[in-house]
């Protein structure tokens, strides 16, 4: 499977958790020390803070969320992806994500910047 498809699978799992109100499942897409920056809330540093932020987010119109990876690439154990998102509460925007390969071969987000519009 190519890296872009790996990223889309990760985003699909995230969206599934988001739509069912599972903040811990959303946070599981991020590494333990991940950083999330968003115009929709304060910076969240670490998986616990990312889960707490998602706890608020998944309560609002969660069933309408969609994410589509538009481009991605990797070299060795580091990768990136740019994705577009759409949801009922916040509208649409994009995210820029840095990912790291984990010891089990999976990929997790280490840095994420959400952008409106």
N, C-alpha and C. Protein backbone atom coordinates (compact mmCIF):
# COMPACT_ATOMS: atom_id res chain seq x y z
N UNK A 1 0.85 -1.18 0.00
CA UNK A 1 0.00 0.00 0.00
C UNK A 1 0.89 1.24 0.00
N UNK A 2 0.58 2.23 -0.84
CA UNK A 2 1.41 3.43 -0.87
C UNK A 2 1.12 4.33 0.33
N UNK A 3 2.01 5.27 0.58
CA UNK A 3 1.92 6.10 1.78
C UNK A 3 0.63 6.93 1.82
N UNK A 4 0.23 7.48 0.70
CA UNK A 4 -1.00 8.27 0.67
C UNK A 4 -2.19 7.43 1.12
N UNK A 5 -2.26 6.18 0.68
CA UNK A 5 -3.34 5.29 1.13
C UNK A 5 -3.24 4.99 2.62
N UNK A 6 -2.02 4.84 3.14
CA UNK A 6 -1.85 4.65 4.58
C UNK A 6 -2.39 5.86 5.35
N UNK A 7 -2.10 7.04 4.84
CA UNK A 7 -2.60 8.26 5.48
C UNK A 7 -4.13 8.31 5.43
N UNK A 8 -4.71 7.95 4.29
CA UNK A 8 -6.17 7.98 4.18
C UNK A 8 -6.81 6.98 5.13
N UNK A 9 -6.19 5.79 5.28
CA UNK A 9 -6.71 4.81 6.24
C UNK A 9 -6.70 5.36 7.66
N UNK A 10 -5.61 6.04 8.03
CA UNK A 10 -5.51 6.65 9.36
C UNK A 10 -6.61 7.70 9.52
N UNK A 11 -6.81 8.54 8.51
CA UNK A 11 -7.84 9.57 8.58
C UNK A 11 -9.24 8.95 8.62
N UNK A 12 -9.45 7.87 7.89
CA UNK A 12 -10.74 7.19 7.91
C UNK A 12 -11.05 6.64 9.31
N UNK A 13 -10.04 6.05 9.97
CA UNK A 13 -10.24 5.57 11.34
C UNK A 13 -10.56 6.73 12.28
N UNK A 14 -9.83 7.83 12.10
CA UNK A 14 -10.07 9.03 12.90
C UNK A 14 -11.52 9.50 12.72
N UNK A 15 -11.96 9.62 11.46
CA UNK A 15 -13.32 10.08 11.18
C UNK A 15 -14.36 9.14 11.78
N UNK A 16 -14.12 7.84 11.69
CA UNK A 16 -15.04 6.87 12.28
C UNK A 16 -15.18 7.11 13.78
N UNK A 17 -14.06 7.32 14.45
CA UNK A 17 -14.10 7.60 15.90
C UNK A 17 -14.79 8.94 16.16
N UNK A 18 -14.48 9.93 15.35
CA UNK A 18 -15.08 11.26 15.50
C UNK A 18 -16.60 11.17 15.40
N UNK A 19 -17.07 10.46 14.40
CA UNK A 19 -18.51 10.37 14.14
C UNK A 19 -19.26 9.59 15.20
N UNK A 20 -18.55 8.75 15.95
CA UNK A 20 -19.21 8.00 17.03
C UNK A 20 -18.97 8.64 18.39
N UNK A 21 -18.32 9.81 18.41
CA UNK A 21 -18.10 10.52 19.67
C UNK A 21 -16.97 9.95 20.51
N UNK A 22 -16.04 9.23 19.89
CA UNK A 22 -14.95 8.56 20.60
C UNK A 22 -13.69 9.44 20.59
N UNK A 23 -13.59 10.34 21.57
CA UNK A 23 -12.46 11.26 21.65
C UNK A 23 -11.14 10.52 21.84
N UNK A 24 -11.14 9.45 22.63
CA UNK A 24 -9.91 8.66 22.84
C UNK A 24 -9.48 8.00 21.53
N UNK A 25 -10.45 7.52 20.75
CA UNK A 25 -10.13 6.93 19.46
C UNK A 25 -9.55 7.96 18.50
N UNK A 26 -10.08 9.18 18.52
CA UNK A 26 -9.52 10.26 17.69
C UNK A 26 -8.08 10.53 18.10
N UNK A 27 -7.84 10.64 19.40
CA UNK A 27 -6.50 10.94 19.91
C UNK A 27 -5.51 9.82 19.59
N UNK A 28 -6.00 8.60 19.41
CA UNK A 28 -5.13 7.46 19.11
C UNK A 28 -4.45 7.60 17.75
N UNK A 29 -4.93 8.51 16.90
CA UNK A 29 -4.28 8.77 15.61
C UNK A 29 -3.01 9.58 15.78
N UNK A 30 -2.78 10.09 16.98
CA UNK A 30 -1.65 10.95 17.29
C UNK A 30 -0.64 10.23 18.19
N UNK A 31 0.63 10.57 18.04
CA UNK A 31 1.65 10.01 18.92
C UNK A 31 1.47 10.58 20.33
N UNK A 32 2.11 9.95 21.30
CA UNK A 32 1.96 10.38 22.70
C UNK A 32 2.39 11.82 22.91
N UNK A 33 3.39 12.29 22.18
CA UNK A 33 3.91 13.64 22.36
C UNK A 33 3.48 14.60 21.23
N UNK A 34 2.43 14.25 20.51
CA UNK A 34 1.98 15.04 19.36
C UNK A 34 1.58 16.46 19.74
N UNK A 35 1.59 17.32 18.72
CA UNK A 35 1.16 18.70 18.88
C UNK A 35 0.08 18.99 17.85
N UNK A 36 -1.01 19.62 18.31
CA UNK A 36 -2.14 19.97 17.45
C UNK A 36 -2.42 21.45 17.59
N UNK A 37 -2.39 22.16 16.46
CA UNK A 37 -2.65 23.60 16.43
C UNK A 37 -3.88 23.84 15.59
N UNK A 38 -4.82 24.65 16.11
CA UNK A 38 -6.11 24.79 15.46
C UNK A 38 -6.71 26.16 15.73
N UNK A 39 -7.39 26.75 14.74
CA UNK A 39 -8.14 27.98 15.00
C UNK A 39 -9.43 27.71 15.78
N UNK A 40 -9.76 26.44 16.01
CA UNK A 40 -11.00 26.05 16.67
C UNK A 40 -10.83 25.79 18.16
N UNK A 41 -9.62 25.97 18.68
CA UNK A 41 -9.35 25.73 20.09
C UNK A 41 -7.90 26.04 20.41
N UNK A 42 -7.55 25.93 21.68
CA UNK A 42 -6.17 26.21 22.08
C UNK A 42 -5.22 25.12 21.58
N UNK A 43 -3.92 25.41 21.51
CA UNK A 43 -2.97 24.36 21.15
C UNK A 43 -3.10 23.18 22.12
N UNK A 44 -2.94 21.98 21.60
CA UNK A 44 -3.00 20.77 22.43
C UNK A 44 -1.68 20.03 22.25
N UNK A 45 -0.95 19.89 23.34
CA UNK A 45 0.36 19.25 23.32
C UNK A 45 0.26 17.95 24.11
N UNK A 46 0.49 16.83 23.44
CA UNK A 46 0.39 15.51 24.06
C UNK A 46 -0.96 14.88 23.78
N UNK A 47 -0.96 13.56 23.74
CA UNK A 47 -2.19 12.83 23.40
C UNK A 47 -3.33 13.11 24.38
N UNK A 48 -3.02 13.25 25.66
CA UNK A 48 -4.08 13.52 26.64
C UNK A 48 -4.77 14.85 26.36
N UNK A 49 -4.00 15.88 26.03
CA UNK A 49 -4.57 17.18 25.71
C UNK A 49 -5.36 17.12 24.40
N UNK A 50 -4.87 16.35 23.44
CA UNK A 50 -5.59 16.18 22.17
C UNK A 50 -6.91 15.47 22.40
N UNK A 51 -6.91 14.48 23.27
CA UNK A 51 -8.17 13.79 23.61
C UNK A 51 -9.14 14.75 24.28
N UNK A 52 -8.66 15.57 25.22
CA UNK A 52 -9.53 16.52 25.92
C UNK A 52 -10.14 17.52 24.94
N UNK A 53 -9.36 18.00 23.99
CA UNK A 53 -9.87 18.92 22.97
C UNK A 53 -10.94 18.22 22.12
N UNK A 54 -10.67 16.99 21.72
CA UNK A 54 -11.63 16.24 20.92
C UNK A 54 -12.90 15.92 21.71
N UNK A 55 -12.78 15.79 23.01
CA UNK A 55 -13.97 15.52 23.82
C UNK A 55 -15.01 16.61 23.61
N UNK A 56 -14.56 17.85 23.47
CA UNK A 56 -15.49 18.95 23.17
C UNK A 56 -15.94 18.90 21.71
N UNK A 57 -15.02 18.65 20.80
CA UNK A 57 -15.33 18.70 19.37
C UNK A 57 -16.32 17.63 18.95
N UNK A 58 -16.18 16.40 19.45
CA UNK A 58 -17.02 15.31 18.94
C UNK A 58 -18.47 15.42 19.40
N UNK A 59 -18.75 16.36 20.28
CA UNK A 59 -20.12 16.54 20.75
C UNK A 59 -20.95 17.41 19.81
N UNK A 60 -20.29 18.07 18.85
CA UNK A 60 -20.97 19.02 17.98
C UNK A 60 -21.03 18.50 16.54
N UNK A 61 -22.20 18.07 16.10
CA UNK A 61 -22.43 17.72 14.69
C UNK A 61 -21.40 16.74 14.14
N UNK A 62 -21.02 15.78 14.96
CA UNK A 62 -19.92 14.88 14.61
C UNK A 62 -20.21 13.99 13.41
N UNK A 63 -21.43 13.64 13.18
CA UNK A 63 -21.72 12.66 12.13
C UNK A 63 -21.44 13.19 10.72
N UNK A 64 -21.20 14.47 10.55
CA UNK A 64 -21.03 15.04 9.22
C UNK A 64 -19.57 15.19 8.79
N UNK A 65 -18.61 14.72 9.55
CA UNK A 65 -17.20 14.96 9.26
C UNK A 65 -16.69 14.09 8.11
N UNK A 66 -15.88 14.71 7.24
CA UNK A 66 -15.21 14.00 6.15
C UNK A 66 -13.78 14.52 6.04
N UNK A 67 -12.84 13.65 5.74
CA UNK A 67 -11.45 14.04 5.49
C UNK A 67 -10.96 13.31 4.25
N UNK A 68 -10.32 14.05 3.36
CA UNK A 68 -9.76 13.47 2.13
C UNK A 68 -8.30 13.90 2.02
N UNK A 69 -7.40 12.93 2.00
CA UNK A 69 -5.98 13.21 1.81
C UNK A 69 -5.78 13.61 0.35
N UNK A 70 -5.19 14.80 0.14
CA UNK A 70 -4.99 15.28 -1.22
C UNK A 70 -3.56 15.08 -1.70
N UNK A 71 -2.61 15.06 -0.79
CA UNK A 71 -1.23 14.76 -1.18
C UNK A 71 -0.48 14.25 0.05
N UNK A 72 0.56 13.46 -0.21
CA UNK A 72 1.32 12.86 0.89
C UNK A 72 2.66 12.37 0.36
N UNK A 73 3.60 12.25 1.25
CA UNK A 73 4.90 11.72 0.89
C UNK A 73 5.65 11.30 2.14
N UNK A 74 6.67 10.48 1.95
CA UNK A 74 7.46 10.05 3.09
C UNK A 74 8.88 9.74 2.65
N UNK A 75 9.76 9.76 3.63
CA UNK A 75 11.14 9.36 3.44
C UNK A 75 11.58 8.69 4.72
N UNK A 76 11.91 7.41 4.63
CA UNK A 76 12.29 6.68 5.84
C UNK A 76 11.12 6.59 6.79
N UNK A 77 11.34 7.01 8.03
CA UNK A 77 10.32 6.89 9.07
C UNK A 77 9.53 8.17 9.30
N UNK A 78 9.70 9.17 8.42
CA UNK A 78 8.94 10.41 8.54
C UNK A 78 8.11 10.64 7.29
N UNK A 79 6.94 11.21 7.47
CA UNK A 79 6.07 11.49 6.35
C UNK A 79 5.22 12.72 6.61
N UNK A 80 4.48 13.12 5.60
CA UNK A 80 3.60 14.27 5.70
C UNK A 80 2.36 14.00 4.85
N UNK A 81 1.29 14.68 5.20
CA UNK A 81 0.11 14.66 4.34
C UNK A 81 -0.66 15.96 4.50
N UNK A 82 -1.27 16.35 3.41
CA UNK A 82 -2.18 17.49 3.40
C UNK A 82 -3.56 16.92 3.11
N UNK A 83 -4.51 17.31 3.93
CA UNK A 83 -5.86 16.77 3.79
C UNK A 83 -6.88 17.90 3.84
N UNK A 84 -7.96 17.73 3.12
CA UNK A 84 -9.10 18.63 3.21
C UNK A 84 -10.14 18.03 4.13
N UNK A 85 -10.81 18.89 4.90
CA UNK A 85 -11.87 18.39 5.76
C UNK A 85 -13.13 19.21 5.55
N UNK A 86 -14.24 18.58 5.90
CA UNK A 86 -15.54 19.22 5.80
C UNK A 86 -16.40 18.67 6.92
N UNK A 87 -17.07 19.57 7.62
CA UNK A 87 -18.00 19.14 8.66
C UNK A 87 -19.03 20.22 8.90
N UNK A 88 -20.13 19.83 9.48
CA UNK A 88 -21.24 20.75 9.66
C UNK A 88 -20.97 21.95 10.54
N UNK A 89 -20.27 21.79 11.65
CA UNK A 89 -20.08 22.87 12.61
C UNK A 89 -19.06 23.89 12.15
N UNK A 90 -17.89 23.44 11.74
CA UNK A 90 -16.80 24.36 11.42
C UNK A 90 -16.69 24.65 9.93
N UNK A 91 -17.41 23.94 9.11
CA UNK A 91 -17.30 24.14 7.67
C UNK A 91 -16.16 23.34 7.09
N UNK A 92 -15.40 23.97 6.19
CA UNK A 92 -14.34 23.23 5.53
C UNK A 92 -12.99 23.88 5.79
N UNK A 93 -11.94 23.13 5.51
CA UNK A 93 -10.59 23.63 5.70
C UNK A 93 -9.59 22.57 5.28
N UNK A 94 -8.37 22.76 5.73
CA UNK A 94 -7.31 21.81 5.41
C UNK A 94 -6.47 21.55 6.64
N UNK A 95 -5.73 20.47 6.58
CA UNK A 95 -4.78 20.17 7.65
C UNK A 95 -3.45 19.77 7.03
N UNK A 96 -2.40 20.19 7.70
CA UNK A 96 -1.04 19.80 7.34
C UNK A 96 -0.55 18.91 8.48
N UNK A 97 -0.11 17.71 8.16
CA UNK A 97 0.25 16.72 9.18
C UNK A 97 1.64 16.16 8.94
N UNK A 98 2.41 16.05 10.02
CA UNK A 98 3.68 15.33 10.00
C UNK A 98 3.42 14.00 10.70
N UNK A 99 3.92 12.91 10.12
CA UNK A 99 3.70 11.58 10.69
C UNK A 99 5.03 10.88 10.92
N UNK A 100 5.03 9.97 11.87
CA UNK A 100 6.21 9.15 12.14
C UNK A 100 5.79 7.69 12.17
N UNK A 101 6.65 6.86 11.56
CA UNK A 101 6.41 5.41 11.60
C UNK A 101 6.71 4.91 13.00
N UNK A 102 5.82 4.08 13.51
CA UNK A 102 5.96 3.52 14.85
C UNK A 102 6.70 2.18 14.77
N UNK A 103 7.11 1.66 15.92
CA UNK A 103 7.89 0.42 15.95
C UNK A 103 7.13 -0.76 15.35
N UNK A 104 5.78 -0.70 15.36
CA UNK A 104 4.98 -1.78 14.77
C UNK A 104 4.71 -1.57 13.27
N UNK A 105 5.30 -0.50 12.69
CA UNK A 105 5.12 -0.23 11.27
C UNK A 105 3.97 0.72 10.95
N UNK A 106 3.12 1.00 11.93
CA UNK A 106 2.01 1.91 11.70
C UNK A 106 2.51 3.36 11.69
N UNK A 107 1.67 4.26 11.23
CA UNK A 107 2.00 5.68 11.19
C UNK A 107 1.07 6.44 12.12
N UNK A 108 1.64 7.41 12.87
CA UNK A 108 0.85 8.29 13.73
C UNK A 108 1.23 9.74 13.47
N UNK A 109 0.30 10.62 13.70
CA UNK A 109 0.53 12.05 13.53
C UNK A 109 1.36 12.58 14.70
N UNK A 110 2.42 13.33 14.39
CA UNK A 110 3.21 13.96 15.44
C UNK A 110 2.96 15.46 15.52
N UNK A 111 2.58 16.06 14.40
CA UNK A 111 2.26 17.50 14.37
C UNK A 111 1.12 17.70 13.39
N UNK A 112 0.16 18.54 13.79
CA UNK A 112 -0.99 18.81 12.94
C UNK A 112 -1.35 20.29 13.05
N UNK A 113 -1.56 20.92 11.92
CA UNK A 113 -2.04 22.29 11.86
C UNK A 113 -3.35 22.30 11.08
N UNK A 114 -4.43 22.67 11.74
CA UNK A 114 -5.73 22.79 11.08
C UNK A 114 -5.88 24.22 10.59
N UNK A 115 -6.49 24.37 9.43
CA UNK A 115 -6.63 25.69 8.82
C UNK A 115 -8.05 25.85 8.29
N UNK A 116 -8.67 26.97 8.58
CA UNK A 116 -10.03 27.25 8.09
C UNK A 116 -10.00 27.58 6.60
N UNK A 117 -11.15 27.30 5.97
CA UNK A 117 -11.34 27.73 4.59
C UNK A 117 -10.85 26.88 3.57
